């Protein structure tokens, strides 16, 4: 899915749409990516001398990509984070990097969904987390 296709399942729009492309690889595996261009709003003050993607933004990227796992359930709903567990930041993500994200569904109890996610840059682990979110009416 490209950005326009992602907009059919995600309520996010620029500048908060933080996925360039994503796809369902297997029944329980979604992958996606985002290339950090360097002019993003979240880099303006984080940090002026050495821009680094904030950890919370990395978690948001993983959350948006995880929605591809539940495309039919997410469509027309508002996915809201309910928790971030076991979050680990291993390597900074900087302008020019492409964050590659893999997400898999751990369990569900609708409207709650629990996702294992990890993001890598050039094969090196940058971030990992267990994400939980609820699908609510818009």
C-alpha atoms as a PDB file:
ATOM      1  CA  UNK A   1       0.000   0.000   0.000  1.00  0.00           C
ATOM      2  CA  UNK A   2       1.279   3.447  -0.849  1.00  0.00           C
ATOM      3  CA  UNK A   3       0.410   6.587   1.124  1.00  0.00           C
ATOM      4  CA  UNK A   4      -2.870   7.158  -0.724  1.00  0.00           C
ATOM      5  CA  UNK A   5      -3.966   3.545  -0.197  1.00  0.00           C
ATOM      6  CA  UNK A   6      -3.011   3.766   3.488  1.00  0.00           C
ATOM      7  CA  UNK A   7      -5.333   6.757   3.846  1.00  0.00           C
ATOM      8  CA  UNK A   8      -8.268   4.425   3.122  1.00  0.00           C
ATOM      9  CA  UNK A   9      -7.634   2.562   6.394  1.00  0.00           C
ATOM     10  CA  UNK A  10      -5.832   5.152   8.555  1.00  0.00           C
ATOM     11  CA  UNK A  11      -7.394   8.395   9.776  1.00  0.00           C
ATOM     12  CA  UNK A  12      -3.939  10.064   9.833  1.00  0.00           C
ATOM     13  CA  UNK A  13      -3.085  12.831   7.382  1.00  0.00           C
ATOM     14  CA  UNK A  14      -0.013  14.959   6.773  1.00  0.00           C
ATOM     15  CA  UNK A  15       1.999  15.830   8.748  1.00  0.00           C
ATOM     16  CA  UNK A  16       1.035  12.884  11.026  1.00  0.00           C
ATOM     17  CA  UNK A  17       0.922  10.185   8.330  1.00  0.00           C
ATOM     18  CA  UNK A  18       4.304   8.600   9.065  1.00  0.00           C
ATOM     19  CA  UNK A  19       4.371   5.670   6.644  1.00  0.00           C
ATOM     20  CA  UNK A  20       5.628   5.701   3.057  1.00  0.00           C
ATOM     21  CA  UNK A  21       4.463   2.190   2.202  1.00  0.00           C
ATOM     22  CA  UNK A  22       3.252  -0.941   3.965  1.00  0.00           C
ATOM     23  CA  UNK A  23       1.955  -4.385   3.108  1.00  0.00           C
ATOM     24  CA  UNK A  24       0.643  -7.566   4.621  1.00  0.00           C
ATOM     25  CA  UNK A  25       3.361 -10.168   3.970  1.00  0.00           C
ATOM     26  CA  UNK A  26       1.691 -13.076   5.719  1.00  0.00           C
ATOM     27  CA  UNK A  27      -1.516 -13.513   7.686  1.00  0.00           C
ATOM     28  CA  UNK A  28       0.244 -12.283  10.826  1.00  0.00           C
ATOM     29  CA  UNK A  29       3.087 -10.142   9.459  1.00  0.00           C
ATOM     30  CA  UNK A  30       2.885  -6.566   8.239  1.00  0.00           C
ATOM     31  CA  UNK A  31       5.938  -4.690   7.017  1.00  0.00           C
ATOM     32  CA  UNK A  32       6.347  -1.065   6.150  1.00  0.00           C
ATOM     33  CA  UNK A  33       8.815   1.757   5.889  1.00  0.00           C
ATOM     34  CA  UNK A  34       9.370   5.460   6.318  1.00  0.00           C
ATOM     35  CA  UNK A  35      12.344   7.403   4.988  1.00  0.00           C
ATOM     36  CA  UNK A  36      13.347  10.350   7.159  1.00  0.00           C
ATOM     37  CA  UNK A  37      13.803  13.279   4.806  1.00  0.00           C
ATOM     38  CA  UNK A  38      15.177  15.783   7.315  1.00  0.00           C
ATOM     39  CA  UNK A  39      12.548  18.517   6.990  1.00  0.00           C
ATOM     40  CA  UNK A  40       9.932  16.858   9.225  1.00  0.00           C
ATOM     41  CA  UNK A  41       8.288  18.983  11.924  1.00  0.00           C
ATOM     42  CA  UNK A  42       9.464  16.663  14.714  1.00  0.00           C
ATOM     43  CA  UNK A  43      13.137  17.219  13.848  1.00  0.00           C
ATOM     44  CA  UNK A  44      13.028  21.027  14.068  1.00  0.00           C
ATOM     45  CA  UNK A  45      13.934  21.131  17.743  1.00  0.00           C
ATOM     46  CA  UNK A  46      15.066  17.551  18.385  1.00  0.00           C
ATOM     47  CA  UNK A  47      17.960  18.397  18.213  1.00  0.00           C
ATOM     48  CA  UNK A  48      19.095  21.434  16.162  1.00  0.00           C
ATOM     49  CA  UNK A  49      22.756  20.374  16.039  1.00  0.00           C
ATOM     50  CA  UNK A  50      22.056  16.631  15.643  1.00  0.00           C
ATOM     51  CA  UNK A  51      18.516  15.789  14.469  1.00  0.00           C
ATOM     52  CA  UNK A  52      17.216  12.463  15.834  1.00  0.00           C
ATOM     53  CA  UNK A  53      13.704  11.064  15.363  1.00  0.00           C
ATOM     54  CA  UNK A  54      12.012  11.181  18.801  1.00  0.00           C
ATOM     55  CA  UNK A  55      11.200   7.821  20.365  1.00  0.00           C
ATOM     56  CA  UNK A  56       7.508   8.594  20.612  1.00  0.00           C
ATOM     57  CA  UNK A  57       7.455   9.269  16.850  1.00  0.00           C
ATOM     58  CA  UNK A  58       9.146   5.900  16.198  1.00  0.00           C
ATOM     59  CA  UNK A  59       6.376   4.264  18.263  1.00  0.00           C
ATOM     60  CA  UNK A  60       3.753   6.135  16.232  1.00  0.00           C
ATOM     61  CA  UNK A  61       5.330   4.879  12.991  1.00  0.00           C
ATOM     62  CA  UNK A  62       5.178   1.303  14.264  1.00  0.00           C
ATOM     63  CA  UNK A  63       1.583   1.812  15.382  1.00  0.00           C
ATOM     64  CA  UNK A  64       0.502   3.111  11.992  1.00  0.00           C
ATOM     65  CA  UNK A  65       2.169   0.226  10.179  1.00  0.00           C
ATOM     66  CA  UNK A  66       0.585  -2.273  12.576  1.00  0.00           C
ATOM     67  CA  UNK A  67      -2.841  -1.106  11.401  1.00  0.00           C
ATOM     68  CA  UNK A  68      -2.189  -2.931   8.137  1.00  0.00           C
ATOM     69  CA  UNK A  69      -2.521  -6.206  10.084  1.00  0.00           C
ATOM     70  CA  UNK A  70      -6.134  -5.312  10.818  1.00  0.00           C
ATOM     71  CA  UNK A  71      -7.053  -3.356   7.707  1.00  0.00           C
ATOM     72  CA  UNK A  72     -10.691  -4.444   7.633  1.00  0.00           C
ATOM     73  CA  UNK A  73     -11.200  -3.897  11.362  1.00  0.00           C
ATOM     74  CA  UNK A  74      -9.438  -0.500  11.303  1.00  0.00           C
ATOM     75  CA  UNK A  75     -11.350   0.890   8.311  1.00  0.00           C
ATOM     76  CA  UNK A  76     -13.794   3.519   9.585  1.00  0.00           C
ATOM     77  CA  UNK A  77     -12.484   3.291  13.147  1.00  0.00           C
ATOM     78  CA  UNK A  78     -10.156   5.445  15.174  1.00  0.00           C
ATOM     79  CA  UNK A  79      -7.151   3.441  16.459  1.00  0.00           C
ATOM     80  CA  UNK A  80      -5.996   4.793  19.812  1.00  0.00           C
ATOM     81  CA  UNK A  81      -2.904   3.693  21.711  1.00  0.00           C
ATOM     82  CA  UNK A  82      -3.801   2.086  25.028  1.00  0.00           C
ATOM     83  CA  UNK A  83      -0.281   1.059  25.954  1.00  0.00           C
ATOM     84  CA  UNK A  84       3.371   0.856  25.034  1.00  0.00           C
ATOM     85  CA  UNK A  85       5.225  -1.950  26.789  1.00  0.00           C
ATOM     86  CA  UNK A  86       8.791  -3.231  26.689  1.00  0.00           C
ATOM     87  CA  UNK A  87       9.845  -0.265  24.535  1.00  0.00           C
ATOM     88  CA  UNK A  88      13.562  -0.325  23.767  1.00  0.00           C
ATOM     89  CA  UNK A  89      15.563   2.194  21.778  1.00  0.00           C
ATOM     90  CA  UNK A  90      18.781   0.640  20.499  1.00  0.00           C
ATOM     91  CA  UNK A  91      20.014   2.922  17.738  1.00  0.00           C
ATOM     92  CA  UNK A  92      19.133   6.520  16.750  1.00  0.00           C
ATOM     93  CA  UNK A  93      17.173   7.151  13.555  1.00  0.00           C
ATOM     94  CA  UNK A  94      18.407  10.228  11.690  1.00  0.00           C
ATOM     95  CA  UNK A  95      17.727  12.080   8.421  1.00  0.00           C
ATOM     96  CA  UNK A  96      18.471   9.885   5.422  1.00  0.00           C
ATOM     97  CA  UNK A  97      17.614   6.666   7.281  1.00  0.00           C
ATOM     98  CA  UNK A  98      14.822   4.360   6.151  1.00  0.00           C
ATOM     99  CA  UNK A  99      13.099   2.740   9.108  1.00  0.00           C
ATOM    100  CA  UNK A 100      11.898  -0.741   8.158  1.00  0.00           C
ATOM    101  CA  UNK A 101       9.149  -1.987  10.484  1.00  0.00           C
ATOM    102  CA  UNK A 102       7.819  -5.501  11.089  1.00  0.00           C
ATOM    103  CA  UNK A 103       4.630  -6.006  13.106  1.00  0.00           C
ATOM    104  CA  UNK A 104       2.819  -9.143  14.202  1.00  0.00           C
ATOM    105  CA  UNK A 105      -0.386  -9.647  16.161  1.00  0.00           C
ATOM    106  CA  UNK A 106       0.235 -11.138  19.602  1.00  0.00           C
ATOM    107  CA  UNK A 107      -3.413 -11.408  20.651  1.00  0.00           C
ATOM    108  CA  UNK A 108      -6.749  -9.657  20.395  1.00  0.00           C
ATOM    109  CA  UNK A 109      -9.781  -9.085  22.514  1.00  0.00           C
ATOM    110  CA  UNK A 110     -11.802  -6.691  20.328  1.00  0.00           C
ATOM    111  CA  UNK A 111     -11.816  -3.776  20.490  1.00  0.00           C
ATOM    112  CA  UNK A 112      -8.288  -4.248  21.951  1.00  0.00           C
ATOM    113  CA  UNK A 113      -5.330  -5.477  19.895  1.00  0.00           C
ATOM    114  CA  UNK A 114      -1.789  -6.296  21.018  1.00  0.00           C
ATOM    115  CA  UNK A 115       1.115  -6.036  18.570  1.00  0.00           C
ATOM    116  CA  UNK A 116       4.813  -6.944  18.643  1.00  0.00           C
ATOM    117  CA  UNK A 117       6.792  -4.436  16.553  1.00  0.00           C
ATOM    118  CA  UNK A 118      10.397  -3.753  15.676  1.00  0.00           C
ATOM    119  CA  UNK A 119      12.097  -1.171  13.522  1.00  0.00           C
ATOM    120  CA  UNK A 120      15.470  -1.540  11.862  1.00  0.00           C
ATOM    121  CA  UNK A 121      17.784   0.696   9.843  1.00  0.00           C
ATOM    122  CA  UNK A 122      20.125  -1.105   7.456  1.00  0.00           C
ATOM    123  CA  UNK A 123      19.398  -4.363   9.286  1.00  0.00           C
ATOM    124  CA  UNK A 124      20.344  -2.910  12.685  1.00  0.00           C
ATOM    125  CA  UNK A 125      17.668  -2.878  15.412  1.00  0.00           C
ATOM    126  CA  UNK A 126      16.646   0.703  16.224  1.00  0.00           C
ATOM    127  CA  UNK A 127      13.443   0.237  18.251  1.00  0.00           C
ATOM    128  CA  UNK A 128      11.190  -2.542  19.527  1.00  0.00           C
ATOM    129  CA  UNK A 129       7.975  -2.562  21.532  1.00  0.00           C
ATOM    130  CA  UNK A 130       4.743  -4.272  22.396  1.00  0.00           C
ATOM    131  CA  UNK A 131       1.930  -1.957  21.356  1.00  0.00           C
ATOM    132  CA  UNK A 132      -1.682  -2.100  22.391  1.00  0.00           C
ATOM    133  CA  UNK A 133      -4.529  -0.105  20.986  1.00  0.00           C
ATOM    134  CA  UNK A 134      -8.290   0.063  20.879  1.00  0.00           C
ATOM    135  CA  UNK A 135     -10.442   0.593  17.818  1.00  0.00           C
ATOM    136  CA  UNK A 136     -13.116   3.146  18.612  1.00  0.00           C
ATOM    137  CA  UNK A 137     -15.911   4.788  16.628  1.00  0.00           C
ATOM    138  CA  UNK A 138     -14.855   7.997  14.920  1.00  0.00           C
END
